Amino acid sequence: MTTCLITDLGLVSYADASSLQQRLAAARKSGLIDDVFLLCEHPHVITLGRNANRQNLLASEHVLRQKAVELHATNRGGDVTYHGPGQIIGYPILNLAAIKRDVGWYVRTLEEAMIRASADFGATAYRVPGKTGIWVQAGASEEKLAAIGVHISRWVTSHGFAYNVSTDLRYFDLIVPCGIADRKATSLEKLLRRSVPLEEVKLRLTRHLTDLFSLTPSPTSSRQLLRTLDRSEQAVHSL
């Protein structure tokens, strides 16, 4: 089984996380590091995917500034989404060439990891045909518990998923989440009507993700990860 470095970055800006992903993906393409799974939270931020419709951003720049919400364009797939505290962000940097060269399968596997983690806490989540992410029943319709937006280059993945645990759902009113106007976002705590330790959810997500991708988890501090990355980049520059 391939080793996967598991690193929890804690609360980190979207820009810093994106920069780190780019460095890790480049090193992974060169075979200089193992697969990596980053976990983190972001301060309030709205991101626009490659196919984003700006009309799905409902708030003006003035309102975003008032609410201290950053706005970033990204190279992930998908439309517009929100990230914030209480939401677990997962960024797998995986070499799919060594696992399975199938983008659809990769996205479905991310969904499956989150569906299984939800079940661990007693929440029934599922897929909705034609809509990426995972959903839960809300009356006669569905609400979105987690979103997915990925980027794959030379079979190395980046970006990933956003799983709502204790997220302040009012921030989703600033956008049309993922461009789907008739569906709302929800959170694990709203579903369960109780508090849920964020660290426990991270552990469950990590376990299911590494099991489904047949990876051996190797917990690695952010300092250790950066040291490994620096060494790999120095090795390239010395060639």
Protein backbone atom coordinates (compact mmCIF):
# COMPACT_ATOMS: atom_id res chain seq x y z
CA MET A 1 0.00 0.00 0.00
CA THR A 2 1.16 3.51 -0.83
CA THR A 3 1.98 5.85 2.05
CA CYS A 4 -0.16 8.97 2.41
CA LEU A 5 1.05 11.85 4.57
CA ILE A 6 -1.83 13.17 6.70
CA THR A 7 -1.42 16.80 7.75
CA ASP A 8 -3.87 19.00 9.63
CA LEU A 9 -3.09 22.63 8.87
CA GLY A 10 -5.67 24.01 11.29
CA LEU A 11 -7.14 27.40 10.38
CA VAL A 12 -5.27 28.66 7.32
CA SER A 13 -6.02 31.29 4.67
CA TYR A 14 -7.32 30.09 1.33
CA ALA A 15 -4.41 31.73 -0.48
CA ASP A 16 -1.80 29.99 1.68
CA ALA A 17 -3.52 26.62 1.28
CA SER A 18 -3.69 27.07 -2.49
CA SER A 19 0.00 27.95 -2.69
CA LEU A 20 0.92 24.89 -0.62
CA GLN A 21 -1.23 22.65 -2.82
CA GLN A 22 0.52 23.90 -5.95
CA ARG A 23 3.92 23.13 -4.45
CA LEU A 24 2.83 19.69 -3.27
CA ALA A 25 1.24 18.80 -6.61
CA ALA A 26 4.42 19.76 -8.48
CA ALA A 27 6.52 17.63 -6.13
CA ARG A 28 4.08 14.71 -6.45
CA LYS A 29 4.21 14.89 -10.25
CA SER A 30 8.00 14.61 -10.00
CA GLY A 31 7.71 11.63 -7.68
CA LEU A 32 9.61 13.47 -4.94
CA ILE A 33 7.01 13.07 -2.20
CA ASP A 34 4.32 10.58 -1.22
CA ASP A 35 0.61 11.17 -1.58
CA VAL A 36 -0.65 13.84 0.82
CA PHE A 37 -4.01 14.50 2.45
CA LEU A 38 -4.37 18.03 3.83
CA LEU A 39 -7.08 18.89 6.34
CA CYS A 40 -7.89 22.47 7.33
CA GLU A 41 -10.44 25.17 7.97
CA HIS A 42 -10.52 28.53 6.20
CA PRO A 43 -11.50 31.97 7.42
CA HIS A 44 -14.65 33.18 5.62
CA VAL A 45 -14.04 32.96 1.88
CA ILE A 46 -16.05 32.54 -1.31
CA THR A 47 -14.36 30.75 -4.21
CA LEU A 48 -15.22 30.73 -7.89
CA GLY A 49 -14.49 27.56 -9.86
CA ARG A 50 -13.41 27.42 -13.49
CA ASN A 51 -17.03 27.28 -14.70
CA ALA A 52 -18.46 29.73 -12.18
CA ASN A 53 -21.33 32.01 -13.14
CA ARG A 54 -20.75 35.39 -11.49
CA GLN A 55 -24.52 35.81 -11.16
CA ASN A 56 -24.38 33.11 -8.49
CA LEU A 57 -22.43 35.53 -6.30
CA LEU A 58 -25.32 37.40 -4.65
CA ALA A 59 -23.36 39.80 -2.44
CA SER A 60 -21.57 42.93 -3.61
CA GLU A 61 -17.90 43.52 -2.91
CA HIS A 62 -18.95 46.10 -0.31
CA VAL A 63 -21.05 43.53 1.57
CA LEU A 64 -18.25 40.98 1.41
CA ARG A 65 -15.83 43.51 2.90
CA GLN A 66 -18.31 44.34 5.66
CA LYS A 67 -18.60 40.67 6.56
CA ALA A 68 -14.82 40.08 6.20
CA VAL A 69 -15.36 37.52 3.46
CA GLU A 70 -12.56 37.10 0.91
CA LEU A 71 -13.21 36.29 -2.75
CA HIS A 72 -10.91 34.06 -4.81
CA ALA A 73 -10.98 32.62 -8.32
CA THR A 74 -9.61 29.07 -8.47
CA ASN A 75 -8.70 26.41 -11.03
CA ARG A 76 -10.95 23.74 -9.49
CA GLY A 77 -14.04 22.49 -11.25
CA GLY A 78 -17.51 23.60 -10.28
CA ASP A 79 -19.26 26.89 -9.63
CA VAL A 80 -19.28 29.15 -6.57
CA THR A 81 -19.00 27.95 -2.98
CA TYR A 82 -18.36 29.21 0.54
CA HIS A 83 -15.74 28.06 3.06
CA GLY A 84 -15.53 29.06 6.70
CA PRO A 85 -14.85 27.98 10.28
CA GLY A 86 -16.60 24.79 11.36
CA GLN A 87 -16.27 23.35 7.86
CA ILE A 88 -13.69 20.63 7.25
CA ILE A 89 -11.75 21.15 4.04
CA GLY A 90 -10.00 18.11 2.57
CA TYR A 91 -7.30 18.55 -0.07
CA PRO A 92 -6.00 15.18 -1.34
CA ILE A 93 -2.79 15.44 -3.39
CA LEU A 94 -2.86 11.95 -4.90
CA ASN A 95 -1.22 10.32 -7.89
CA LEU A 96 -4.22 8.67 -9.56
CA ALA A 97 -1.92 7.07 -12.12
CA ALA A 98 -0.84 4.70 -9.33
CA ILE A 99 -4.38 4.22 -8.00
CA LYS A 100 -6.95 4.41 -10.80
CA ARG A 101 -7.04 6.67 -13.85
CA ASP A 102 -10.70 7.56 -13.66
CA VAL A 103 -11.88 11.07 -12.73
CA GLY A 104 -15.51 10.05 -12.21
CA TRP A 105 -14.47 7.21 -9.93
CA TYR A 106 -12.25 9.57 -7.96
CA VAL A 107 -15.09 12.02 -7.31
CA ARG A 108 -17.50 9.20 -6.37
CA THR A 109 -14.89 7.85 -3.95
CA LEU A 110 -14.58 11.23 -2.23
CA GLU A 111 -18.35 11.21 -1.89
CA GLU A 112 -18.28 7.69 -0.47
CA ALA A 113 -15.73 8.65 2.20
CA MET A 114 -18.01 11.46 3.36
CA ILE A 115 -21.14 9.31 3.21
CA ARG A 116 -19.46 6.72 5.44
CA ALA A 117 -18.18 9.36 7.86
CA SER A 118 -21.70 10.80 8.11
CA ALA A 119 -23.08 7.34 8.87
CA ASP A 120 -20.55 6.99 11.71
CA PHE A 121 -22.39 9.84 13.45
CA GLY A 122 -25.86 8.58 12.62
CA ALA A 123 -26.55 10.83 9.61
CA THR A 124 -27.81 9.30 6.37
CA ALA A 125 -26.19 11.04 3.42
CA TYR A 126 -26.41 10.00 -0.22
CA ARG A 127 -25.72 11.01 -3.82
CA VAL A 128 -28.18 12.84 -6.07
CA PRO A 129 -27.84 11.92 -9.77
CA GLY A 130 -26.33 14.77 -11.76
CA LYS A 131 -25.32 16.75 -8.65
CA THR A 132 -21.81 16.39 -7.22
CA GLY A 133 -21.38 16.23 -3.44
CA ILE A 134 -23.42 14.52 -0.73
CA TRP A 135 -26.98 15.26 0.28
CA VAL A 136 -29.48 14.57 3.06
CA GLN A 137 -33.25 14.44 3.07
CA ALA A 138 -35.03 17.69 3.99
CA GLY A 139 -38.78 17.26 3.66
CA ALA A 140 -39.64 16.52 0.04
CA SER A 141 -36.26 17.78 -1.17
CA GLU A 142 -32.57 17.55 -0.28
CA GLU A 143 -30.02 19.75 1.42
CA LYS A 144 -26.30 19.69 0.69
CA LEU A 145 -24.01 18.49 3.45
CA ALA A 146 -20.72 18.57 1.52
CA ALA A 147 -19.40 19.99 -1.75
CA ILE A 148 -16.68 18.75 -4.08
CA GLY A 149 -14.52 20.65 -6.56
CA VAL A 150 -11.32 19.08 -7.89
CA HIS A 151 -8.43 19.82 -10.20
CA ILE A 152 -6.43 17.03 -11.87
CA SER A 153 -3.23 17.57 -13.84
CA ARG A 154 -1.13 14.70 -15.16
CA TRP A 155 -3.29 12.49 -12.91
CA VAL A 156 -2.23 14.33 -9.76
CA THR A 157 -5.17 15.72 -7.80
CA SER A 158 -5.61 18.98 -5.91
CA HIS A 159 -8.49 20.89 -4.32
CA GLY A 160 -11.09 18.46 -2.95
CA PHE A 161 -14.10 18.69 -0.65
CA ALA A 162 -15.81 20.87 1.95
CA TYR A 163 -17.81 19.08 4.67
CA ASN A 164 -20.09 21.16 6.89
CA VAL A 165 -19.85 20.21 10.56
CA SER A 166 -20.65 23.33 12.60
CA THR A 167 -20.59 25.84 9.75
CA ASP A 168 -22.52 29.10 10.11
CA LEU A 169 -25.01 28.40 7.33
CA ARG A 170 -26.09 32.05 7.06
CA TYR A 171 -23.00 32.72 4.94
CA PHE A 172 -24.40 30.51 2.17
CA ASP A 173 -27.04 33.22 1.66
CA LEU A 174 -24.29 35.27 -0.01
CA ILE A 175 -24.21 32.85 -2.96
CA VAL A 176 -26.20 30.33 -4.96
CA PRO A 177 -24.24 27.31 -3.64
CA CYS A 178 -22.69 25.39 -6.54
CA GLY A 179 -25.13 27.16 -8.84
CA ILE A 180 -28.13 25.18 -7.56
CA ALA A 181 -30.79 27.74 -6.64
CA ASP A 182 -33.46 25.42 -5.21
CA ARG A 183 -31.26 23.55 -2.71
CA LYS A 184 -29.88 24.79 0.61
CA ALA A 185 -26.76 23.84 2.54
CA THR A 186 -26.92 22.06 5.88
CA SER A 187 -24.44 20.88 8.51
CA LEU A 188 -23.84 17.75 10.56
CA GLU A 189 -24.67 19.56 13.79
CA LYS A 190 -27.94 20.88 12.38
CA LEU A 191 -28.92 17.37 11.32
CA LEU A 192 -27.99 15.75 14.62
CA ARG A 193 -29.16 18.68 16.80
CA ARG A 194 -26.05 18.39 18.94
CA SER A 195 -22.44 19.49 18.92
CA VAL A 196 -19.93 17.28 17.13
CA PRO A 197 -16.17 17.43 17.82
CA LEU A 198 -14.46 18.59 14.65
CA GLU A 199 -11.38 16.46 15.38
CA GLU A 200 -13.48 13.30 15.56
CA VAL A 201 -15.00 14.02 12.15
CA LYS A 202 -11.53 14.60 10.71
CA LEU A 203 -10.40 11.22 12.03
CA ARG A 204 -13.38 9.46 10.46
CA LEU A 205 -12.95 11.20 7.12
CA THR A 206 -9.24 10.34 7.08
CA ARG A 207 -9.87 6.69 7.92
CA HIS A 208 -12.49 6.23 5.22
CA LEU A 209 -10.52 8.12 2.58
CA THR A 210 -7.31 6.15 3.13
CA ASP A 211 -9.23 2.85 3.27
CA LEU A 212 -11.11 3.53 0.04
CA PHE A 213 -7.95 4.57 -1.82
CA SER A 214 -5.92 1.71 -0.27
CA LEU A 215 -3.42 4.13 1.28
CA THR A 216 -1.39 3.74 4.46
CA PRO A 217 -1.88 6.87 6.58
CA SER A 218 1.23 8.53 7.99
CA PRO A 219 0.37 11.40 10.38
CA THR A 220 2.74 14.29 9.64
CA SER A 221 2.92 17.70 11.28
CA SER A 222 2.79 20.79 9.08
CA ARG A 223 6.40 21.52 10.04
CA GLN A 224 7.50 18.03 8.98
CA LEU A 225 5.56 18.32 5.73
CA LEU A 226 7.14 21.65 4.85
CA ARG A 227 10.59 20.29 5.67
CA THR A 228 9.98 17.32 3.35
CA LEU A 229 8.67 19.62 0.64
CA ASP A 230 11.63 21.99 0.96
CA ARG A 231 14.07 19.08 0.59
CA SER A 232 12.28 17.81 -2.51
CA GLU A 233 12.34 21.23 -4.13
CA GLN A 234 16.02 21.68 -3.30
CA ALA A 235 16.74 18.32 -4.91
CA VAL A 236 15.08 19.49 -8.14
CA HIS A 237 16.97 22.78 -8.16
CA SER A 238 20.29 21.03 -7.64
CA LEU A 239 19.87 18.89 -10.77
